[in-house]
Protein backbone atom coordinates (compact mmCIF):
# COMPACT_ATOMS: atom_id res chain seq x y z
CA MET A 1 -28.01 76.93 -70.58
CA PRO A 2 -31.49 75.59 -69.75
CA HIS A 3 -31.12 76.52 -66.07
CA ILE A 4 -30.52 80.17 -66.94
CA ASP A 5 -33.64 80.06 -69.10
CA GLY A 6 -35.66 79.03 -66.06
CA ILE A 7 -35.93 75.25 -66.30
CA PRO A 8 -35.93 73.87 -62.70
CA LEU A 9 -32.97 71.75 -61.61
CA ARG A 10 -35.26 68.83 -60.71
CA LYS A 11 -36.69 68.76 -64.23
CA LEU A 12 -33.19 68.91 -65.72
CA ALA A 13 -32.20 66.02 -63.45
CA ASP A 14 -35.11 63.90 -64.66
CA GLU A 15 -34.43 64.70 -68.32
CA ASN A 16 -30.75 63.74 -68.01
CA ASP A 17 -31.21 60.77 -65.66
CA LEU A 18 -29.18 62.46 -62.93
CA SER A 19 -29.75 63.19 -59.28
CA PRO A 20 -30.58 66.78 -58.28
CA ALA A 21 -27.16 67.06 -56.61
CA GLN A 22 -25.37 65.86 -59.75
CA THR A 23 -27.39 68.27 -61.87
CA TYR A 24 -26.57 71.16 -59.55
CA ARG A 25 -22.85 70.42 -59.73
CA LYS A 26 -23.05 70.13 -63.51
CA VAL A 27 -24.80 73.50 -63.77
CA LEU A 28 -22.16 75.12 -61.56
CA ALA A 29 -19.39 73.59 -63.66
CA GLU A 30 -20.97 74.94 -66.84
CA MET A 31 -21.27 78.44 -65.39
CA ASP A 32 -17.68 78.31 -64.13
CA SER A 33 -16.50 77.34 -67.61
CA LEU A 34 -18.01 80.44 -69.20
CA PRO A 35 -15.77 83.41 -69.98
CA ASP A 36 -16.17 86.66 -68.09
CA ASN A 37 -18.73 88.75 -69.96
CA THR A 38 -16.58 91.90 -69.92
CA TRP A 39 -13.56 89.93 -71.18
CA LEU A 40 -15.76 88.58 -73.97
CA THR A 41 -16.66 92.13 -74.99
CA ALA A 42 -13.08 93.38 -74.77
CA LYS A 43 -11.54 90.53 -76.74
CA TYR A 44 -14.11 89.86 -79.44
CA CYS A 45 -16.33 92.92 -79.92
CA ASN A 46 -15.77 96.30 -81.53
CA ARG A 47 -18.91 97.18 -83.50
CA PHE A 48 -20.56 99.57 -81.07
CA CYS A 49 -22.83 102.57 -81.60
CA GLY A 50 -21.57 104.60 -78.62
CA ILE A 51 -25.06 105.16 -77.20
CA LEU A 52 -25.22 103.43 -73.83
CA ILE A 53 -28.24 102.66 -71.66
CA VAL A 54 -27.32 102.12 -67.99
CA ASP A 55 -29.45 100.80 -65.16
CA GLY A 56 -29.31 98.51 -62.15
CA LYS A 57 -31.34 95.67 -60.70
CA TYR A 58 -31.20 94.89 -56.99
CA VAL A 59 -30.65 91.27 -56.00
CA LYS A 60 -30.86 89.41 -52.72
CA VAL A 61 -27.50 88.04 -51.53
CA LYS A 62 -26.83 86.25 -48.26
CA GLY A 63 -24.66 88.29 -45.91
CA TYR A 64 -26.16 91.65 -46.94
CA LYS A 65 -29.02 93.20 -44.96
CA GLU A 66 -30.47 94.84 -48.05
CA LYS A 67 -30.52 93.84 -51.70
CA ILE A 68 -27.42 94.95 -53.61
CA PRO A 69 -27.26 96.36 -57.15
CA PHE A 70 -26.32 94.57 -60.33
CA ILE A 71 -25.41 97.47 -62.62
CA TYR A 72 -25.17 96.78 -66.33
CA CYS A 73 -25.22 98.60 -69.64
CA ILE A 74 -26.61 97.96 -73.12
CA ASP A 75 -25.31 99.23 -76.44
CA TYR A 76 -28.50 100.80 -77.77
CA LEU A 77 -28.57 100.05 -81.50
CA THR A 78 -27.36 96.45 -81.10
CA HIS A 79 -29.22 95.72 -77.82
CA ASP A 80 -26.04 94.04 -76.56
CA PRO A 81 -25.41 94.00 -72.76
CA LEU A 82 -21.68 94.62 -72.87
CA VAL A 83 -20.67 94.97 -69.23
CA GLY A 84 -22.27 94.23 -65.87
CA ILE A 85 -21.01 94.42 -62.30
CA LEU A 86 -22.38 93.33 -58.94
CA ALA A 87 -21.57 95.91 -56.27
CA PRO A 88 -22.24 96.34 -52.54
CA SER A 89 -23.98 99.65 -53.26
CA GLU A 90 -24.88 101.93 -56.16
CA ASN A 91 -22.25 104.55 -55.32
CA GLU A 92 -19.62 106.47 -57.25
CA GLU A 93 -17.06 103.71 -56.75
CA ALA A 94 -19.36 101.21 -58.46
CA PHE A 95 -19.89 103.49 -61.46
CA LEU A 96 -16.17 104.21 -61.64
CA LYS A 97 -15.60 100.49 -62.00
CA LEU A 98 -18.32 100.17 -64.65
CA PHE A 99 -16.89 102.93 -66.84
CA ARG A 100 -13.33 101.72 -66.27
CA LEU A 101 -14.33 98.31 -67.61
CA LEU A 102 -15.97 99.96 -70.60
CA LYS A 103 -12.71 101.74 -71.36
CA THR A 104 -10.86 98.42 -71.32
CA CYS A 105 -13.32 97.36 -74.03
CA ASN A 106 -12.39 100.46 -76.09
CA TYR A 107 -16.03 101.48 -76.04
CA PRO A 108 -16.51 104.74 -78.02
CA LEU A 109 -18.93 106.30 -75.57
CA GLN A 110 -20.87 109.28 -76.91
CA ILE A 111 -23.76 109.48 -74.47
CA VAL A 112 -25.17 107.67 -71.45
CA VAL A 113 -28.93 107.40 -70.95
CA ALA A 114 -29.81 106.67 -67.33
CA ASP A 115 -32.04 107.47 -64.37
CA ASP A 116 -31.29 110.35 -62.04
CA ARG A 117 -28.24 109.08 -60.13
CA SER A 118 -25.90 111.69 -58.70
CA SER A 119 -23.08 109.15 -58.30
CA LEU A 120 -23.06 108.30 -62.01
CA ILE A 121 -22.10 111.67 -63.48
CA PRO A 122 -18.74 112.24 -61.70
CA ALA A 123 -17.71 108.66 -62.51
CA LEU A 124 -18.69 109.17 -66.14
CA LYS A 125 -16.75 112.43 -66.41
CA TYR A 126 -13.67 110.89 -64.80
CA HIS A 127 -13.33 108.16 -67.44
CA TYR A 128 -15.14 109.83 -70.37
CA PRO A 129 -14.77 113.62 -69.95
CA LYS A 130 -16.39 114.38 -73.31
CA ALA A 131 -19.33 111.97 -73.00
CA LEU A 132 -22.85 113.38 -72.65
CA TYR A 133 -25.54 112.41 -70.16
CA GLN A 134 -29.24 112.07 -70.99
CA LEU A 135 -31.60 111.89 -68.02
CA CYS A 136 -34.44 109.44 -68.65
CA GLN A 137 -37.52 111.53 -69.42
CA VAL A 138 -39.92 108.74 -68.47
CA HIS A 139 -38.57 108.55 -64.92
CA TYR A 140 -38.33 112.33 -64.63
CA LEU A 141 -41.97 112.78 -65.63
CA GLU A 142 -43.00 110.01 -63.26
CA ASN A 143 -41.36 111.94 -60.44
CA VAL A 144 -43.30 115.04 -61.52
CA ARG A 145 -46.54 113.01 -61.44
CA GLU A 146 -45.77 111.94 -57.89
CA GLN A 147 -45.05 115.51 -56.79
CA LEU A 148 -48.37 116.65 -58.27
CA HIS A 149 -50.33 113.58 -57.05
CA ILE A 150 -51.69 113.19 -60.57
CA ARG A 151 -53.03 109.68 -59.97
CA THR A 152 -55.09 110.65 -56.95
CA SER A 153 -56.13 114.23 -57.68
CA GLY A 154 -57.19 116.11 -60.80
CA TYR A 155 -56.09 119.52 -59.54
CA HIS A 156 -52.87 119.65 -61.60
CA TRP A 157 -54.02 117.64 -64.63
CA HIS A 158 -54.14 120.55 -67.10
CA PHE A 159 -50.76 121.82 -65.97
CA PHE A 160 -49.11 118.41 -66.27
CA ASN A 161 -50.66 117.64 -69.65
CA SER A 162 -49.55 121.01 -70.98
CA LEU A 163 -46.05 120.37 -69.65
CA ALA A 164 -45.84 116.88 -71.19
CA LEU A 165 -47.19 118.06 -74.56
CA HIS A 166 -45.56 121.45 -75.14
CA VAL A 167 -42.23 120.89 -73.38
CA PHE A 168 -41.50 117.20 -73.82
CA LYS A 169 -43.10 116.47 -77.21
CA GLU A 170 -43.67 119.43 -79.48
CA HIS A 171 -40.44 121.46 -79.50
CA THR A 172 -37.78 120.80 -82.15
CA ASP A 173 -35.01 123.24 -81.16
CA ASP A 174 -33.71 125.22 -78.19
CA LYS A 175 -35.75 128.33 -79.01
CA GLN A 176 -39.00 126.37 -79.16
CA LEU A 177 -38.10 124.65 -75.90
CA ASN A 178 -37.56 127.99 -74.15
CA ASP A 179 -40.81 129.31 -75.65
CA ALA A 180 -42.67 126.21 -74.43
CA LEU A 181 -41.26 126.57 -70.91
CA HIS A 182 -42.22 130.25 -70.86
CA HIS A 183 -45.75 129.40 -72.06
CA VAL A 184 -46.28 126.76 -69.37
CA LEU A 185 -44.80 129.00 -66.68
CA THR A 186 -46.94 132.04 -67.53
CA GLN A 187 -50.13 130.37 -68.75
CA ARG A 188 -50.37 127.20 -66.64
CA ALA A 189 -48.27 127.57 -63.51
CA GLY A 190 -49.91 130.76 -62.27
CA ASN A 191 -49.03 131.60 -58.67
CA ASP A 192 -48.69 127.95 -57.65
CA GLN A 193 -45.24 127.61 -56.08
CA LEU A 194 -44.96 123.85 -56.76
CA ARG A 195 -45.75 124.30 -60.46
CA GLN A 196 -43.28 127.15 -60.74
CA THR A 197 -40.58 125.07 -59.06
CA ILE A 198 -41.15 122.20 -61.49
CA VAL A 199 -40.90 124.44 -64.56
CA MET A 200 -37.77 126.12 -63.24
CA ASP A 201 -36.17 122.75 -62.50
CA ILE A 202 -36.80 121.64 -66.08
CA HIS A 203 -35.24 124.88 -67.30
CA ARG A 204 -32.22 124.34 -65.04
CA ARG A 205 -31.77 120.74 -66.21
CA ARG A 206 -32.84 121.25 -69.81
CA ARG A 207 -29.44 120.18 -71.19
CA GLU A 208 -29.49 116.72 -69.60
CA LEU A 209 -33.22 116.29 -70.28
CA PHE A 210 -33.02 117.11 -74.01
CA ILE A 211 -29.40 116.50 -75.05
CA TYR A 212 -30.54 113.32 -76.84
CA THR A 213 -31.71 115.51 -79.73
CA LYS A 214 -28.05 116.29 -80.50
CA ILE A 215 -27.11 112.61 -81.00
CA PRO A 216 -28.63 110.73 -83.97
CA HIS A 217 -30.71 107.67 -82.92
CA CYS A 218 -30.33 108.44 -79.20
CA PRO A 219 -33.44 107.67 -77.11
CA SER A 220 -34.83 109.98 -74.44
CA ASN A 221 -35.52 107.15 -72.01
CA THR A 222 -34.25 103.85 -70.60
CA ASN A 223 -37.22 101.78 -71.82
CA LEU A 224 -34.97 99.25 -73.55
CA ILE A 225 -33.10 98.23 -70.42
CA GLU A 226 -36.33 98.28 -68.42
CA LEU A 227 -37.55 95.44 -70.67
CA TYR A 228 -34.38 93.52 -69.86
CA ASN A 229 -34.96 94.27 -66.18
CA SER A 230 -38.46 92.79 -66.27
CA HIS A 231 -37.12 89.54 -67.71
CA LEU A 232 -34.32 89.45 -65.15
CA GLN A 233 -36.79 90.13 -62.34
CA ALA A 234 -38.87 87.12 -63.39
CA ARG A 235 -35.81 84.86 -63.15
CA LEU A 236 -34.67 86.35 -59.83
CA LYS A 237 -38.13 85.79 -58.38
CA SER A 238 -37.85 82.06 -59.00
CA ILE A 239 -34.33 81.93 -57.54
CA LYS A 240 -35.29 83.86 -54.37
CA GLY A 241 -31.74 84.91 -53.58
CA PHE A 242 -28.09 83.82 -53.73
CA LYS A 243 -25.99 82.09 -51.09
CA SER A 244 -22.96 84.35 -51.57
CA PHE A 245 -21.59 87.31 -53.53
CA HIS A 246 -19.58 84.89 -55.68
CA ALA A 247 -22.66 82.77 -56.43
CA ALA A 248 -24.62 85.85 -57.50
CA ASP A 249 -21.76 87.20 -59.61
CA ARG A 250 -21.32 83.84 -61.36
CA TRP A 251 -25.03 83.44 -62.13
CA LEU A 252 -25.42 87.02 -63.37
CA ASN A 253 -22.40 86.63 -65.64
CA ALA A 254 -23.97 83.50 -67.13
CA TYR A 255 -27.28 85.33 -67.47
CA LEU A 256 -25.74 88.18 -69.50
CA ILE A 257 -23.95 85.78 -71.81
CA ARG A 258 -27.16 83.81 -72.29
CA ARG A 259 -29.04 86.98 -73.21
CA ARG A 260 -26.31 87.93 -75.68
CA THR A 261 -26.40 84.55 -77.42
CA GLN A 262 -30.19 84.14 -77.61
CA PRO A 263 -32.00 85.39 -80.73
CA LEU A 264 -33.96 88.59 -80.20
CA THR A 265 -37.68 88.02 -80.68
CA ASP A 266 -39.89 90.94 -79.64
CA CYS A 267 -38.26 93.97 -81.25
CA ASP A 268 -40.74 96.29 -82.94
CA THR A 269 -40.88 99.54 -84.90
CA LYS A 270 -37.36 100.65 -85.86
CA PHE A 271 -35.75 97.54 -84.37
CA LYS A 272 -37.73 94.89 -86.25
CA HIS A 273 -34.63 94.06 -88.27
CA LEU A 274 -32.99 92.71 -85.11
CA ASN A 275 -35.49 89.90 -84.65
CA GLY A 276 -33.88 86.50 -85.13
CA LYS A 277 -30.39 87.90 -84.55
CA ARG A 278 -28.22 87.58 -81.46
CA SER A 279 -27.01 90.83 -79.94
CA LEU A 280 -23.48 89.45 -79.54
CA GLN A 281 -23.52 88.60 -83.23
CA LEU A 282 -24.04 92.30 -83.99
CA THR A 283 -21.08 93.56 -81.97
CA LEU A 284 -18.53 90.84 -82.82
CA LYS A 285 -15.48 91.87 -84.78
CA LYS A 286 -15.93 90.88 -88.39
CA GLN A 287 -13.03 88.45 -88.25
CA ALA A 288 -14.25 86.72 -85.05
CA GLU A 289 -15.73 83.24 -85.43
CA TRP A 290 -18.77 82.61 -83.26
CA PRO A 291 -18.11 79.03 -82.05
CA GLU A 292 -14.46 79.56 -81.17
CA ILE A 293 -15.10 82.35 -78.69
CA PHE A 294 -16.69 79.81 -76.37
CA GLY A 295 -14.29 77.01 -77.22
CA VAL A 296 -17.14 74.97 -78.69
CA LYS A 297 -17.35 73.60 -82.20
CA THR A 298 -20.80 74.11 -83.64
CA PRO A 299 -20.44 74.04 -87.45
CA GLU A 300 -24.21 73.91 -87.91
CA TYR A 301 -24.43 77.56 -86.88
CA GLN A 302 -22.35 80.18 -88.61
CA PRO A 303 -24.04 83.58 -88.20
CA LYS A 304 -23.78 86.25 -90.82
CA MET A 305 -21.55 89.04 -89.64
CA LYS A 306 -23.05 91.84 -91.71
CA ARG A 307 -25.59 94.10 -90.05
């Protein structure tokens, strides 16, 4: 849909010889005709990796004093945004709904990679008791930078750099991690209470900070979904807000489907092989036919199902 891609309604009206009002109604009708994104995943997709990146983007909706969260998740190896929900707040109830929807999709969840959200973990354990949780290291280290005022003072530079290098980069097993923490605590923290507290917090949370090493191909951060967030933010900036919860939910559903059906273009390093492919194409059941899932006949495009 051109509107979802960012083409203004007035330009679409001119290109199609329609009035702005007619164009607006046509766009709404097209979005209403789309399937629910979660239903699409549940009915047609089953090729998942089980590594899930979860994050939220706050959107402005009329009737709410503050922006409300659109929480969505991406299957890591396919880059496919499988499920998304708009919720009044980012609380446990919202995450319970997210993981409940994932279960209806028969998603084989191994591990969730997400920011530090206390409401996520109990919801995750309720629906997926055996699933693991990886705390995003990028966000965790950013919080440490803020505590140490790294960007405005050089007092803690050596401590932070030692922490980032020895603890978060160099170790390869649990013993080396414990050795690295002991080294930073005894050689770099000194008698500084803040430094000691940071090292002890990492030790206390070491399982959720480094559990990604136990799952092949699992990332230690949410960088992938942050890229999606930046694109979404650019579109939301031009929209400036939604007139109702329903209007926001409808547009965001269309946005996810559009992202799933657009070819990937900027994947690098280990994901270069995804360029030119559509993320939905990678998770579709092998027997599913691409055009039929949208009720549209497009014989000129028949994607290869093999990954």
